[in-house]
């Protein structure tokens, strides 16, 4: 049996998170993986330390929505939306992630990253995950015409 995703039928809590996330201008979509198998708290500390390092070294305050999930092998990995890093060279930071593999893309609102990441917040039909949201005051808020249009 094939499962078809209908984005018009969305958990109301998830819709609320999408509304919140879509109010902000995100700059990057990040994926962080690990070579080793760190404990959950170690993985979280490494990911948050990485984001703090960007802030410190680039001398900018960032906002982020950070989510963790587990691979089928049980290894944690992260996805994040990051804002207020315009002009920061993302490839430099891909090379700076020393724990595994990092992918950093320019955020494209049409690619569905916001929808994908909200599964960790609502934990509806998905496995358990973890999320953290920080620094939204540093992200540019979009005007209503850009949110609705």
Protein backbone atom coordinates (compact mmCIF):
# COMPACT_ATOMS: atom_id res chain seq x y z
CA UNK A 1 0.00 0.00 0.00
CA UNK A 2 1.42 3.36 -1.04
CA UNK A 3 1.12 6.33 1.31
CA UNK A 4 0.35 9.64 -0.38
CA UNK A 5 1.20 12.84 1.49
CA UNK A 6 -1.48 15.51 1.29
CA UNK A 7 -0.11 18.79 2.67
CA UNK A 8 -3.67 20.15 2.87
CA UNK A 9 -4.44 17.67 5.65
CA UNK A 10 -2.01 18.73 8.36
CA UNK A 11 -2.06 18.33 12.13
CA UNK A 12 -3.28 21.72 13.51
CA UNK A 13 -0.28 21.92 15.85
CA UNK A 14 2.03 21.40 12.90
CA UNK A 15 0.20 24.15 10.97
CA UNK A 16 0.86 26.48 13.89
CA UNK A 17 4.57 25.69 13.84
CA UNK A 18 4.66 26.22 10.07
CA UNK A 19 2.98 29.60 10.53
CA UNK A 20 5.58 30.54 13.14
CA UNK A 21 8.58 29.39 11.10
CA UNK A 22 7.31 31.05 7.93
CA UNK A 23 7.23 34.44 9.65
CA UNK A 24 11.01 34.58 9.53
CA UNK A 25 13.60 34.91 6.83
CA UNK A 26 15.87 31.88 7.08
CA UNK A 27 19.28 31.96 5.40
CA UNK A 28 20.49 28.37 5.63
CA UNK A 29 19.18 24.82 5.81
CA UNK A 30 21.78 22.64 7.58
CA UNK A 31 22.27 18.89 7.99
CA UNK A 32 24.89 17.63 10.47
CA UNK A 33 25.87 13.96 10.72
CA UNK A 34 28.30 12.01 12.92
CA UNK A 35 31.05 9.53 12.10
CA UNK A 36 30.92 8.08 15.59
CA UNK A 37 27.90 7.13 17.66
CA UNK A 38 27.69 9.88 20.29
CA UNK A 39 25.30 9.78 23.21
CA UNK A 40 22.27 12.00 22.67
CA UNK A 41 23.39 14.75 25.05
CA UNK A 42 26.87 14.79 23.44
CA UNK A 43 25.35 15.11 19.97
CA UNK A 44 23.10 17.98 21.12
CA UNK A 45 26.05 19.75 22.77
CA UNK A 46 28.16 19.41 19.62
CA UNK A 47 25.43 20.82 17.37
CA UNK A 48 24.66 23.76 19.66
CA UNK A 49 28.39 24.44 20.15
CA UNK A 50 28.75 24.56 16.34
CA UNK A 51 26.00 27.20 16.09
CA UNK A 52 27.52 29.24 18.93
CA UNK A 53 30.89 29.07 17.16
CA UNK A 54 29.33 30.56 14.02
CA UNK A 55 27.91 33.40 16.12
CA UNK A 56 31.18 34.06 17.90
CA UNK A 57 33.51 33.89 14.92
CA UNK A 58 31.23 35.67 12.45
CA UNK A 59 30.31 38.26 15.10
CA UNK A 60 26.59 37.96 14.42
CA UNK A 61 23.59 36.91 16.45
CA UNK A 62 21.75 34.05 14.79
CA UNK A 63 18.34 32.54 15.14
CA UNK A 64 17.78 28.86 14.62
CA UNK A 65 15.32 26.00 14.69
CA UNK A 66 17.41 22.88 15.40
CA UNK A 67 16.03 19.34 15.19
CA UNK A 68 17.55 15.95 15.91
CA UNK A 69 16.46 12.57 14.63
CA UNK A 70 18.01 9.13 14.53
CA UNK A 71 19.14 7.20 11.46
CA UNK A 72 17.97 3.62 11.04
CA UNK A 73 21.31 2.60 12.56
CA UNK A 74 20.51 4.65 15.69
CA UNK A 75 22.97 7.49 15.05
CA UNK A 76 21.65 10.97 15.83
CA UNK A 77 21.81 13.65 13.16
CA UNK A 78 20.55 17.21 12.95
CA UNK A 79 18.72 19.53 10.63
CA UNK A 80 18.44 23.26 11.23
CA UNK A 81 17.02 26.42 9.78
CA UNK A 82 19.40 29.29 10.52
CA UNK A 83 18.72 32.99 10.09
CA UNK A 84 20.75 36.20 10.13
CA UNK A 85 23.84 34.75 8.44
CA UNK A 86 23.56 36.70 5.19
CA UNK A 87 27.02 37.22 3.74
CA UNK A 88 28.56 34.39 5.78
CA UNK A 89 30.36 31.84 3.61
CA UNK A 90 28.49 28.59 4.19
CA UNK A 91 31.20 26.39 2.64
CA UNK A 92 33.64 27.55 5.32
CA UNK A 93 31.28 26.23 7.97
CA UNK A 94 30.68 22.96 6.17
CA UNK A 95 34.43 22.36 6.48
CA UNK A 96 34.43 23.37 10.15
CA UNK A 97 32.05 20.58 11.27
CA UNK A 98 34.63 18.10 12.55
CA UNK A 99 32.37 15.31 13.78
CA UNK A 100 31.14 13.94 10.48
CA UNK A 101 29.53 15.38 7.40
CA UNK A 102 27.85 18.79 7.12
CA UNK A 103 25.68 20.08 4.33
CA UNK A 104 24.66 23.73 4.31
CA UNK A 105 22.34 25.03 1.62
CA UNK A 106 20.84 28.42 1.02
CA UNK A 107 17.31 28.24 2.36
CA UNK A 108 14.61 28.00 -0.31
CA UNK A 109 11.08 28.40 1.06
CA UNK A 110 9.71 26.33 -1.84
CA UNK A 111 11.71 23.18 -1.04
CA UNK A 112 9.68 22.14 2.04
CA UNK A 113 12.37 22.13 4.74
CA UNK A 114 10.02 23.86 7.17
CA UNK A 115 7.40 21.14 6.71
CA UNK A 116 10.00 18.39 7.03
CA UNK A 117 11.46 19.83 10.24
CA UNK A 118 8.14 20.36 12.00
CA UNK A 119 7.68 16.59 12.34
CA UNK A 120 10.14 16.72 15.24
CA UNK A 121 8.02 19.29 17.03
CA UNK A 122 4.65 17.62 16.80
CA UNK A 123 5.86 14.01 16.85
CA UNK A 124 2.58 12.91 15.32
CA UNK A 125 3.07 9.74 13.29
CA UNK A 126 6.86 10.00 13.37
CA UNK A 127 9.53 8.62 15.65
CA UNK A 128 10.57 10.65 18.64
CA UNK A 129 12.93 13.49 17.97
CA UNK A 130 14.23 16.56 19.71
CA UNK A 131 14.13 20.25 18.81
CA UNK A 132 15.28 23.64 20.06
CA UNK A 133 14.41 27.11 18.83
CA UNK A 134 16.56 30.10 19.78
CA UNK A 135 17.28 33.69 18.78
CA UNK A 136 14.22 34.47 16.68
CA UNK A 137 14.62 38.10 17.70
CA UNK A 138 17.74 38.20 15.50
CA UNK A 139 15.96 36.92 12.37
CA UNK A 140 14.28 39.29 9.99
CA UNK A 141 10.49 38.98 10.19
CA UNK A 142 8.73 38.83 6.87
CA UNK A 143 5.91 41.21 6.04
CA UNK A 144 2.39 39.81 5.63
CA UNK A 145 2.48 40.15 1.84
CA UNK A 146 5.60 37.92 1.70
CA UNK A 147 4.15 35.38 4.17
CA UNK A 148 0.84 35.08 2.29
CA UNK A 149 2.15 35.59 -1.23
